[in-house]
Protein backbone atom coordinates (compact mmCIF):
# COMPACT_ATOMS: atom_id res chain seq x y z
CA GLY A 1 65.35 140.73 167.68
CA ASP A 2 66.48 137.80 169.51
CA GLY A 3 69.55 139.60 170.87
CA PHE A 4 67.38 142.44 172.56
CA SER A 5 67.46 142.74 176.20
CA TYR A 6 63.66 143.94 176.01
CA HIS A 7 60.91 141.26 175.91
CA PRO A 8 57.64 142.63 176.90
CA GLU A 9 56.13 138.99 177.57
CA LYS A 10 58.83 138.26 180.07
CA LEU A 11 58.24 141.40 182.25
CA SER A 12 55.59 141.12 184.81
CA MET A 13 55.19 144.81 184.63
CA GLU A 14 53.83 144.79 181.18
CA ARG A 15 51.03 142.20 182.39
CA THR A 16 49.34 144.94 184.78
CA ASP A 17 46.28 146.84 184.30
CA ASP A 18 47.57 150.13 185.52
CA GLU A 19 51.28 149.88 184.70
CA ALA A 20 53.27 152.99 185.77
CA PHE A 21 55.66 152.81 182.90
CA GLY A 22 54.92 151.95 179.32
CA PRO A 23 57.00 150.16 176.74
CA THR A 24 58.37 153.64 175.30
CA ASP A 25 59.74 154.19 178.82
CA ARG A 26 61.39 151.09 178.87
CA ILE A 27 63.10 151.35 175.66
CA GLY A 28 64.16 154.89 176.62
CA GLN A 29 65.98 153.41 179.59
CA LEU A 30 67.71 150.62 177.82
CA THR A 31 68.85 153.35 175.16
CA MET A 32 70.38 155.28 178.00
CA ARG A 33 71.95 152.09 179.45
CA ASN A 34 73.38 151.26 175.94
CA LEU A 35 74.89 154.89 175.71
CA ASP A 36 76.39 154.44 179.33
CA ILE A 37 77.91 151.06 178.19
CA GLN A 38 79.60 152.86 175.15
CA ASP A 39 80.77 155.67 177.19
CA THR A 40 82.45 153.17 179.75
CA ARG A 41 84.16 151.20 176.83
CA ALA A 42 85.46 154.44 175.14
CA LYS A 43 86.67 155.60 178.52
CA LEU A 44 88.52 152.19 179.15
CA ASP A 45 89.96 152.12 175.78
CA LEU A 46 91.22 155.57 176.45
CA TYR A 47 92.82 154.62 179.66
CA ARG A 48 94.26 151.53 177.91
CA GLN A 49 95.74 153.88 175.27
CA GLN A 50 97.33 156.02 177.82
CA GLY A 51 99.00 152.99 179.35
CA GLN A 52 96.86 153.15 182.56
CA LEU A 53 95.42 149.77 181.96
CA ASP A 54 97.22 146.64 181.08
CA GLY A 55 96.13 145.25 177.58
CA GLY A 56 96.18 141.59 178.85
CA GLN A 57 93.48 139.09 179.64
CA PHE A 58 91.77 139.32 183.16
CA ASP A 59 90.45 136.11 184.86
CA LEU A 60 87.32 137.27 186.67
CA THR A 61 86.76 134.16 188.52
């Protein structure tokens, strides 16, 4: 879909004749990354619930 990070036509690695990794490898890596992001969010939420993090807004500029 439009919101996906993986677009084969945008990756130069997909346009080589002897690519080291295929689309399945990349999808697997993105899946692992998404799980890592979910784990991080869950851990941050736990820290917030325990009072270790302020629930306020942060300015990241």
